[in-house]
Amino acid sequence: MSLSHKAICSILALALLSPLGVRAELDWATLNSTREVTEAEWLQLQLSVLGLKLSYPAYRIDLKLTEDSAIEFTFVASSGMAKHLTEELGKSEADEVISYHAQGISDQVEILVRDEFPNLWSSFDPRQDFRGQFLGPGEEWNDPPREIGTWLENKFSWGR
């Protein structure tokens, strides 16, 4: 028998001998049971998922609920994007780009709170309840991230 013929026979034998109906081990009764979570826990989960949805290869967004009940984002820019914002663009252009991103995140958080958390929506004020920071990589690969700036009260401020 040739090598390719042996390989085909081996694959066929494995396919025929393997069990056809592999059963999952997760119990449907347990999966269909209810669980109680607080609004804060549910909001934190929804914010985490939203942060993943808003992330791209050029930047990662993390959204969280803080101890003082504010929603805070961390925007971690790639080295290329951070360099573009801090070295290649002028300050006014960079302000515009960064503000565009922060406002987009804010808009998505507002939609989430409005649609999924009606009890919070009536008192939600993005100027007070939403803030964030923009970070870029450090100088060396093992350096901590460096702050590009902060978003507070719907306004961007450059970091150190």
N, C-alpha and C. Protein backbone atom coordinates (compact mmCIF):
# COMPACT_ATOMS: atom_id res chain seq x y z
N MET A 1 0.83 -1.18 0.00
CA MET A 1 0.00 0.00 0.00
C MET A 1 0.88 1.24 0.00
N SER A 2 0.42 2.23 -0.74
CA SER A 2 1.18 3.48 -0.77
C SER A 2 0.88 4.28 0.50
N LEU A 3 1.70 5.28 0.73
CA LEU A 3 1.55 6.11 1.94
C LEU A 3 0.21 6.83 1.95
N SER A 4 -0.19 7.40 0.82
CA SER A 4 -1.46 8.12 0.79
C SER A 4 -2.64 7.17 0.98
N HIS A 5 -2.53 5.95 0.47
CA HIS A 5 -3.58 4.96 0.65
C HIS A 5 -3.69 4.57 2.13
N LYS A 6 -2.55 4.41 2.81
CA LYS A 6 -2.54 4.10 4.24
C LYS A 6 -3.19 5.23 5.04
N ALA A 7 -2.87 6.47 4.66
CA ALA A 7 -3.42 7.63 5.37
C ALA A 7 -4.93 7.68 5.21
N ILE A 8 -5.42 7.42 4.00
CA ILE A 8 -6.86 7.45 3.75
C ILE A 8 -7.54 6.34 4.54
N CYS A 9 -6.96 5.15 4.55
CA CYS A 9 -7.53 4.03 5.31
C CYS A 9 -7.55 4.33 6.80
N SER A 10 -6.52 4.95 7.31
CA SER A 10 -6.45 5.30 8.73
C SER A 10 -7.53 6.32 9.09
N ILE A 11 -7.70 7.32 8.26
CA ILE A 11 -8.72 8.34 8.51
C ILE A 11 -10.11 7.72 8.47
N LEU A 12 -10.34 6.85 7.49
CA LEU A 12 -11.63 6.16 7.37
C LEU A 12 -11.90 5.30 8.59
N ALA A 13 -10.90 4.57 9.05
CA ALA A 13 -11.05 3.71 10.22
C ALA A 13 -11.38 4.54 11.46
N LEU A 14 -10.69 5.65 11.63
CA LEU A 14 -10.96 6.52 12.78
C LEU A 14 -12.38 7.07 12.72
N ALA A 15 -12.80 7.48 11.54
CA ALA A 15 -14.14 8.04 11.38
C ALA A 15 -15.21 7.01 11.69
N LEU A 16 -15.00 5.77 11.25
CA LEU A 16 -16.00 4.71 11.46
C LEU A 16 -16.02 4.22 12.90
N LEU A 17 -14.89 4.24 13.56
CA LEU A 17 -14.81 3.72 14.92
C LEU A 17 -15.14 4.76 15.99
N SER A 18 -15.12 6.02 15.64
CA SER A 18 -15.40 7.05 16.63
C SER A 18 -16.90 7.11 16.91
N PRO A 19 -17.28 7.44 18.14
CA PRO A 19 -18.71 7.51 18.46
C PRO A 19 -19.37 8.63 17.68
N LEU A 20 -20.56 8.35 17.15
CA LEU A 20 -21.24 9.32 16.31
C LEU A 20 -21.89 10.44 17.10
N GLY A 21 -22.57 10.14 18.15
CA GLY A 21 -23.30 11.15 18.90
C GLY A 21 -22.58 11.53 20.17
N VAL A 22 -21.59 12.35 20.09
CA VAL A 22 -20.87 12.77 21.29
C VAL A 22 -21.81 13.66 22.09
N ARG A 23 -21.97 13.33 23.34
CA ARG A 23 -22.90 14.05 24.20
C ARG A 23 -22.15 15.08 25.04
N ALA A 24 -22.71 16.28 25.09
CA ALA A 24 -22.13 17.33 25.92
C ALA A 24 -22.35 17.00 27.39
N GLU A 25 -21.48 17.50 28.23
CA GLU A 25 -21.57 17.21 29.65
C GLU A 25 -22.28 18.30 30.44
N LEU A 26 -22.66 19.40 29.78
CA LEU A 26 -23.37 20.46 30.48
C LEU A 26 -24.83 20.07 30.63
N ASP A 27 -25.34 20.15 31.82
CA ASP A 27 -26.70 19.74 32.13
C ASP A 27 -27.70 20.84 31.77
N TRP A 28 -28.70 20.52 30.92
CA TRP A 28 -29.67 21.52 30.48
C TRP A 28 -30.49 22.06 31.64
N ALA A 29 -30.82 21.24 32.59
CA ALA A 29 -31.60 21.71 33.73
C ALA A 29 -30.83 22.79 34.49
N THR A 30 -29.55 22.57 34.66
CA THR A 30 -28.72 23.57 35.34
C THR A 30 -28.58 24.82 34.48
N LEU A 31 -28.39 24.63 33.18
CA LEU A 31 -28.25 25.77 32.28
C LEU A 31 -29.53 26.61 32.21
N ASN A 32 -30.68 26.00 32.42
CA ASN A 32 -31.95 26.72 32.35
C ASN A 32 -32.42 27.25 33.70
N SER A 33 -31.65 27.03 34.75
CA SER A 33 -32.03 27.56 36.05
C SER A 33 -31.74 29.06 36.09
N THR A 34 -32.41 29.76 36.98
CA THR A 34 -32.21 31.21 37.09
C THR A 34 -31.12 31.51 38.10
N ARG A 35 -30.60 32.72 37.97
CA ARG A 35 -29.54 33.17 38.87
C ARG A 35 -29.83 34.64 39.19
N GLU A 36 -29.58 35.02 40.41
CA GLU A 36 -29.79 36.41 40.79
C GLU A 36 -28.46 37.16 40.73
N VAL A 37 -28.49 38.29 40.06
CA VAL A 37 -27.32 39.17 40.02
C VAL A 37 -27.80 40.58 40.32
N THR A 38 -26.93 41.38 40.88
CA THR A 38 -27.28 42.76 41.16
C THR A 38 -27.19 43.58 39.89
N GLU A 39 -27.80 44.75 39.91
CA GLU A 39 -27.70 45.66 38.77
C GLU A 39 -26.23 46.01 38.50
N ALA A 40 -25.46 46.20 39.56
CA ALA A 40 -24.04 46.54 39.39
C ALA A 40 -23.28 45.40 38.71
N GLU A 41 -23.55 44.17 39.12
CA GLU A 41 -22.88 43.02 38.50
C GLU A 41 -23.27 42.89 37.03
N TRP A 42 -24.55 43.08 36.74
CA TRP A 42 -25.03 42.96 35.36
C TRP A 42 -24.46 44.10 34.51
N LEU A 43 -24.42 45.30 35.07
CA LEU A 43 -23.85 46.44 34.34
C LEU A 43 -22.37 46.20 34.07
N GLN A 44 -21.64 45.68 35.05
CA GLN A 44 -20.22 45.41 34.85
C GLN A 44 -20.00 44.41 33.73
N LEU A 45 -20.81 43.37 33.70
CA LEU A 45 -20.71 42.37 32.63
C LEU A 45 -21.01 43.00 31.27
N GLN A 46 -22.07 43.79 31.21
CA GLN A 46 -22.44 44.44 29.94
C GLN A 46 -21.36 45.42 29.49
N LEU A 47 -20.75 46.13 30.43
CA LEU A 47 -19.66 47.06 30.09
C LEU A 47 -18.45 46.30 29.56
N SER A 48 -18.14 45.17 30.17
CA SER A 48 -17.00 44.36 29.70
C SER A 48 -17.22 43.89 28.27
N VAL A 49 -18.42 43.42 27.98
CA VAL A 49 -18.75 42.96 26.63
C VAL A 49 -18.70 44.13 25.64
N LEU A 50 -19.26 45.28 26.04
CA LEU A 50 -19.24 46.45 25.16
C LEU A 50 -17.81 46.88 24.86
N GLY A 51 -16.94 46.86 25.87
CA GLY A 51 -15.53 47.20 25.64
C GLY A 51 -14.89 46.30 24.60
N LEU A 52 -15.19 45.02 24.65
CA LEU A 52 -14.66 44.08 23.65
C LEU A 52 -15.21 44.39 22.27
N LYS A 53 -16.50 44.71 22.19
CA LYS A 53 -17.11 45.03 20.90
C LYS A 53 -16.51 46.29 20.28
N LEU A 54 -16.13 47.24 21.11
CA LEU A 54 -15.61 48.52 20.61
C LEU A 54 -14.11 48.47 20.33
N SER A 55 -13.44 47.40 20.72
CA SER A 55 -11.99 47.28 20.52
C SER A 55 -11.66 46.89 19.08
N TYR A 56 -10.52 47.34 18.63
CA TYR A 56 -9.99 47.04 17.30
C TYR A 56 -8.52 46.67 17.44
N PRO A 57 -7.90 46.18 16.36
CA PRO A 57 -6.46 45.86 16.46
C PRO A 57 -5.59 47.06 16.85
N ALA A 58 -6.00 48.27 16.49
CA ALA A 58 -5.20 49.45 16.80
C ALA A 58 -5.38 49.94 18.23
N TYR A 59 -6.43 49.49 18.90
CA TYR A 59 -6.65 49.89 20.29
C TYR A 59 -7.57 48.91 21.00
N ARG A 60 -7.42 48.88 22.32
CA ARG A 60 -8.24 48.02 23.17
C ARG A 60 -8.97 48.92 24.14
N ILE A 61 -10.24 48.66 24.33
CA ILE A 61 -11.05 49.46 25.25
C ILE A 61 -11.53 48.57 26.39
N ASP A 62 -11.33 49.04 27.60
CA ASP A 62 -11.81 48.36 28.79
C ASP A 62 -12.79 49.30 29.47
N LEU A 63 -13.99 48.82 29.76
CA LEU A 63 -15.00 49.62 30.46
C LEU A 63 -15.29 48.96 31.80
N LYS A 64 -15.41 49.78 32.84
CA LYS A 64 -15.71 49.21 34.16
C LYS A 64 -16.52 50.18 34.99
N LEU A 65 -17.17 49.64 35.99
CA LEU A 65 -17.90 50.41 36.97
C LEU A 65 -16.97 50.63 38.16
N THR A 66 -16.76 51.88 38.54
CA THR A 66 -15.82 52.18 39.62
C THR A 66 -16.51 52.11 40.98
N GLU A 67 -15.72 52.18 42.04
CA GLU A 67 -16.26 52.14 43.40
C GLU A 67 -17.16 53.33 43.70
N ASP A 68 -16.91 54.47 43.03
CA ASP A 68 -17.76 55.65 43.24
C ASP A 68 -18.91 55.71 42.23
N SER A 69 -19.25 54.57 41.65
CA SER A 69 -20.40 54.40 40.75
C SER A 69 -20.31 55.22 39.47
N ALA A 70 -19.11 55.42 38.98
CA ALA A 70 -18.93 56.05 37.67
C ALA A 70 -18.56 54.96 36.68
N ILE A 71 -18.77 55.24 35.42
CA ILE A 71 -18.34 54.32 34.36
C ILE A 71 -17.05 54.88 33.80
N GLU A 72 -16.03 54.06 33.79
CA GLU A 72 -14.69 54.51 33.40
C GLU A 72 -14.16 53.63 32.27
N PHE A 73 -13.56 54.27 31.29
CA PHE A 73 -12.93 53.50 30.21
C PHE A 73 -11.43 53.69 30.25
N THR A 74 -10.74 52.68 29.76
CA THR A 74 -9.31 52.77 29.51
C THR A 74 -9.12 52.43 28.04
N PHE A 75 -8.56 53.36 27.31
CA PHE A 75 -8.31 53.22 25.88
C PHE A 75 -6.81 52.98 25.73
N VAL A 76 -6.42 51.77 25.37
CA VAL A 76 -5.01 51.43 25.23
C VAL A 76 -4.68 51.41 23.74
N ALA A 77 -3.95 52.42 23.29
CA ALA A 77 -3.60 52.54 21.88
C ALA A 77 -2.38 51.68 21.56
N SER A 78 -2.35 51.17 20.34
CA SER A 78 -1.16 50.44 19.86
C SER A 78 -0.01 51.43 19.75
N SER A 79 1.20 50.92 19.60
CA SER A 79 2.36 51.82 19.49
C SER A 79 2.23 52.72 18.27
N GLY A 80 1.74 52.18 17.15
CA GLY A 80 1.57 52.99 15.95
C GLY A 80 0.55 54.09 16.13
N MET A 81 -0.57 53.76 16.74
CA MET A 81 -1.60 54.77 16.95
C MET A 81 -1.14 55.81 17.97
N ALA A 82 -0.50 55.36 19.05
CA ALA A 82 0.00 56.30 20.06
C ALA A 82 1.01 57.26 19.45
N LYS A 83 1.90 56.75 18.62
CA LYS A 83 2.89 57.61 17.97
C LYS A 83 2.20 58.61 17.05
N HIS A 84 1.20 58.14 16.32
CA HIS A 84 0.47 59.02 15.41
C HIS A 84 -0.20 60.15 16.19
N LEU A 85 -0.82 59.82 17.32
CA LEU A 85 -1.53 60.82 18.11
C LEU A 85 -0.60 61.79 18.83
N THR A 86 0.54 61.30 19.29
CA THR A 86 1.40 62.14 20.13
C THR A 86 2.57 62.80 19.39
N GLU A 87 2.94 62.25 18.22
CA GLU A 87 4.12 62.79 17.54
C GLU A 87 3.84 63.28 16.12
N GLU A 88 2.93 62.62 15.41
CA GLU A 88 2.75 62.94 14.00
C GLU A 88 1.65 63.97 13.75
N LEU A 89 0.59 63.92 14.52
CA LEU A 89 -0.50 64.88 14.36
C LEU A 89 -0.22 66.12 15.19
N GLY A 90 -0.76 67.24 14.76
CA GLY A 90 -0.72 68.44 15.59
C GLY A 90 -1.66 68.26 16.77
N LYS A 91 -1.48 69.08 17.80
CA LYS A 91 -2.30 68.95 19.01
C LYS A 91 -3.79 69.08 18.72
N SER A 92 -4.18 70.04 17.90
CA SER A 92 -5.62 70.24 17.64
C SER A 92 -6.20 69.05 16.88
N GLU A 93 -5.45 68.51 15.92
CA GLU A 93 -5.92 67.33 15.18
C GLU A 93 -6.01 66.12 16.11
N ALA A 94 -5.01 65.94 16.94
CA ALA A 94 -5.01 64.81 17.88
C ALA A 94 -6.16 64.95 18.88
N ASP A 95 -6.39 66.18 19.37
CA ASP A 95 -7.53 66.43 20.26
C ASP A 95 -8.83 65.99 19.60
N GLU A 96 -8.96 66.33 18.34
CA GLU A 96 -10.18 66.00 17.59
C GLU A 96 -10.35 64.48 17.45
N VAL A 97 -9.27 63.78 17.12
CA VAL A 97 -9.33 62.32 16.97
C VAL A 97 -9.64 61.66 18.31
N ILE A 98 -8.96 62.08 19.35
CA ILE A 98 -9.17 61.48 20.67
C ILE A 98 -10.58 61.78 21.17
N SER A 99 -11.04 63.01 20.99
CA SER A 99 -12.39 63.37 21.41
C SER A 99 -13.44 62.58 20.64
N TYR A 100 -13.18 62.34 19.37
CA TYR A 100 -14.08 61.53 18.54
C TYR A 100 -14.22 60.13 19.14
N HIS A 101 -13.11 59.52 19.51
CA HIS A 101 -13.15 58.18 20.11
C HIS A 101 -13.86 58.20 21.46
N ALA A 102 -13.53 59.16 22.30
CA ALA A 102 -14.15 59.23 23.63
C ALA A 102 -15.65 59.47 23.51
N GLN A 103 -16.05 60.34 22.61
CA GLN A 103 -17.47 60.62 22.44
C GLN A 103 -18.20 59.40 21.89
N GLY A 104 -17.55 58.66 21.00
CA GLY A 104 -18.15 57.43 20.48
C GLY A 104 -18.36 56.39 21.57
N ILE A 105 -17.38 56.26 22.45
CA ILE A 105 -17.52 55.32 23.58
C ILE A 105 -18.66 55.80 24.49
N SER A 106 -18.68 57.09 24.77
CA SER A 106 -19.73 57.67 25.61
C SER A 106 -21.11 57.42 25.02
N ASP A 107 -21.25 57.63 23.71
CA ASP A 107 -22.54 57.40 23.05
C ASP A 107 -23.00 55.95 23.21
N GLN A 108 -22.07 55.01 23.05
CA GLN A 108 -22.43 53.59 23.18
C GLN A 108 -22.80 53.24 24.62
N VAL A 109 -22.11 53.83 25.58
CA VAL A 109 -22.44 53.60 26.99
C VAL A 109 -23.83 54.17 27.28
N GLU A 110 -24.12 55.36 26.76
CA GLU A 110 -25.44 55.96 26.96
C GLU A 110 -26.54 55.07 26.39
N ILE A 111 -26.33 54.52 25.21
CA ILE A 111 -27.32 53.63 24.60
C ILE A 111 -27.52 52.39 25.47
N LEU A 112 -26.42 51.83 25.96
CA LEU A 112 -26.51 50.66 26.84
C LEU A 112 -27.31 50.97 28.10
N VAL A 113 -26.99 52.07 28.76
CA VAL A 113 -27.69 52.42 30.00
C VAL A 113 -29.16 52.72 29.71
N ARG A 114 -29.43 53.47 28.65
CA ARG A 114 -30.82 53.81 28.30
C ARG A 114 -31.65 52.56 28.00
N ASP A 115 -31.09 51.65 27.20
CA ASP A 115 -31.86 50.50 26.74
C ASP A 115 -31.92 49.35 27.74
N GLU A 116 -30.86 49.15 28.51
CA GLU A 116 -30.79 47.97 29.38
C GLU A 116 -30.94 48.27 30.87
N PHE A 117 -30.79 49.54 31.26
CA PHE A 117 -30.84 49.90 32.68
C PHE A 117 -31.73 51.13 32.88
N PRO A 118 -33.03 50.99 32.63
CA PRO A 118 -33.93 52.15 32.71
C PRO A 118 -33.95 52.81 34.09
N ASN A 119 -33.72 52.04 35.15
CA ASN A 119 -33.70 52.64 36.49
C ASN A 119 -32.50 53.56 36.68
N LEU A 120 -31.42 53.31 35.97
CA LEU A 120 -30.23 54.16 36.07
C LEU A 120 -30.30 55.34 35.10
N TRP A 121 -31.00 55.14 34.00
CA TRP A 121 -30.99 56.12 32.91
C TRP A 121 -31.47 57.50 33.36
N SER A 122 -32.50 57.56 34.19
CA SER A 122 -33.07 58.86 34.57
C SER A 122 -32.08 59.74 35.31
N SER A 123 -31.11 59.15 35.98
CA SER A 123 -30.13 59.96 36.72
C SER A 123 -28.74 59.93 36.08
N PHE A 124 -28.61 59.28 34.92
CA PHE A 124 -27.30 59.17 34.28
C PHE A 124 -26.93 60.48 33.60
N ASP A 125 -25.77 61.02 33.97
CA ASP A 125 -25.25 62.24 33.37
C ASP A 125 -23.82 61.96 32.92
N PRO A 126 -23.58 61.86 31.61
CA PRO A 126 -22.24 61.48 31.14
C PRO A 126 -21.14 62.46 31.56
N ARG A 127 -21.49 63.71 31.82
CA ARG A 127 -20.45 64.65 32.27
C ARG A 127 -19.92 64.28 33.65
N GLN A 128 -20.78 63.69 34.47
CA GLN A 128 -20.38 63.31 35.82
C GLN A 128 -20.12 61.81 35.98
N ASP A 129 -20.85 61.01 35.23
CA ASP A 129 -20.83 59.56 35.43
C ASP A 129 -19.94 58.80 34.45
N PHE A 130 -19.26 59.50 33.56
CA PHE A 130 -18.45 58.84 32.54
C PHE A 130 -17.11 59.56 32.43
N ARG A 131 -16.04 58.78 32.51
CA ARG A 131 -14.69 59.35 32.40
C ARG A 131 -13.76 58.27 31.87
N GLY A 132 -12.55 58.68 31.52
CA GLY A 132 -11.63 57.67 31.02
C GLY A 132 -10.22 58.18 30.86
N GLN A 133 -9.37 57.26 30.46
CA GLN A 133 -7.97 57.61 30.21
C GLN A 133 -7.50 56.95 28.93
N PHE A 134 -6.60 57.64 28.27
CA PHE A 134 -5.97 57.14 27.05
C PHE A 134 -4.53 56.79 27.38
N LEU A 135 -4.14 55.56 27.05
CA LEU A 135 -2.79 55.09 27.34
C LEU A 135 -2.11 54.63 26.06
N GLY A 136 -0.79 54.73 26.07
CA GLY A 136 0.04 54.19 25.00
C GLY A 136 1.13 53.35 25.62
N PRO A 137 1.85 52.59 24.82
CA PRO A 137 2.92 51.75 25.37
C PRO A 137 4.07 52.60 25.93
N GLY A 138 4.80 52.01 26.88
CA GLY A 138 5.98 52.68 27.42
C GLY A 138 7.10 52.71 26.40
N GLU A 139 8.20 53.34 26.76
CA GLU A 139 9.35 53.46 25.85
C GLU A 139 9.96 52.11 25.51
N GLU A 140 10.19 51.29 26.51
CA GLU A 140 10.76 49.95 26.31
C GLU A 140 9.64 48.92 26.47
N TRP A 141 9.88 47.72 25.98
CA TRP A 141 8.83 46.70 25.99
C TRP A 141 8.35 46.34 27.38
N ASN A 142 9.19 46.48 28.41
CA ASN A 142 8.79 46.11 29.77
C ASN A 142 8.39 47.31 30.62
N ASP A 143 8.36 48.51 30.04
CA ASP A 143 7.90 49.70 30.76
C ASP A 143 6.38 49.68 30.90
N PRO A 144 5.87 50.28 31.97
CA PRO A 144 4.41 50.36 32.10
C PRO A 144 3.84 51.30 31.03
N PRO A 145 2.54 51.20 30.76
CA PRO A 145 1.94 52.11 29.77
C PRO A 145 2.12 53.56 30.20
N ARG A 146 2.18 54.43 29.21
CA ARG A 146 2.29 55.86 29.53
C ARG A 146 0.95 56.53 29.23
N GLU A 147 0.63 57.51 30.03
CA GLU A 147 -0.63 58.21 29.87
C GLU A 147 -0.54 59.21 28.72
N ILE A 148 -1.50 59.12 27.83
CA ILE A 148 -1.62 60.12 26.76
C ILE A 148 -2.48 61.27 27.27
N GLY A 149 -3.57 60.95 27.93
CA GLY A 149 -4.44 61.98 28.48
C GLY A 149 -5.67 61.39 29.13
N THR A 150 -6.56 62.27 29.59
CA THR A 150 -7.78 61.84 30.28
C THR A 150 -9.01 62.50 29.66
N TRP A 151 -10.12 61.83 29.83
CA TRP A 151 -11.42 62.34 29.40
C TRP A 151 -12.25 62.54 30.65
N LEU A 152 -12.62 63.78 30.92
CA LEU A 152 -13.37 64.10 32.12
C LEU A 152 -14.31 65.25 31.80
N GLU A 153 -15.57 65.12 32.21
CA GLU A 153 -16.60 66.13 31.95
C GLU A 153 -16.69 66.48 30.46
N ASN A 154 -16.68 65.44 29.64
CA ASN A 154 -16.78 65.58 28.17
C ASN A 154 -15.66 66.41 27.56
N LYS A 155 -14.48 66.35 28.16
CA LYS A 155 -13.36 67.14 27.65
C LYS A 155 -12.06 66.35 27.79
N PHE A 156 -11.22 66.43 26.76
CA PHE A 156 -9.92 65.75 26.78
C PHE A 156 -8.85 66.68 27.33
N SER A 157 -7.98 66.13 28.18
CA SER A 157 -6.82 66.87 28.69
C SER A 157 -5.59 66.02 28.47
N TRP A 158 -4.53 66.63 27.96
CA TRP A 158 -3.28 65.92 27.72
C TRP A 158 -2.62 65.53 29.03
N GLY A 159 -1.97 64.37 29.02
CA GLY A 159 -1.24 63.87 30.20
C GLY A 159 0.11 64.54 30.31
N ARG A 160 0.90 64.01 31.20
CA ARG A 160 2.22 64.57 31.49
C ARG A 160 3.17 64.45 30.33
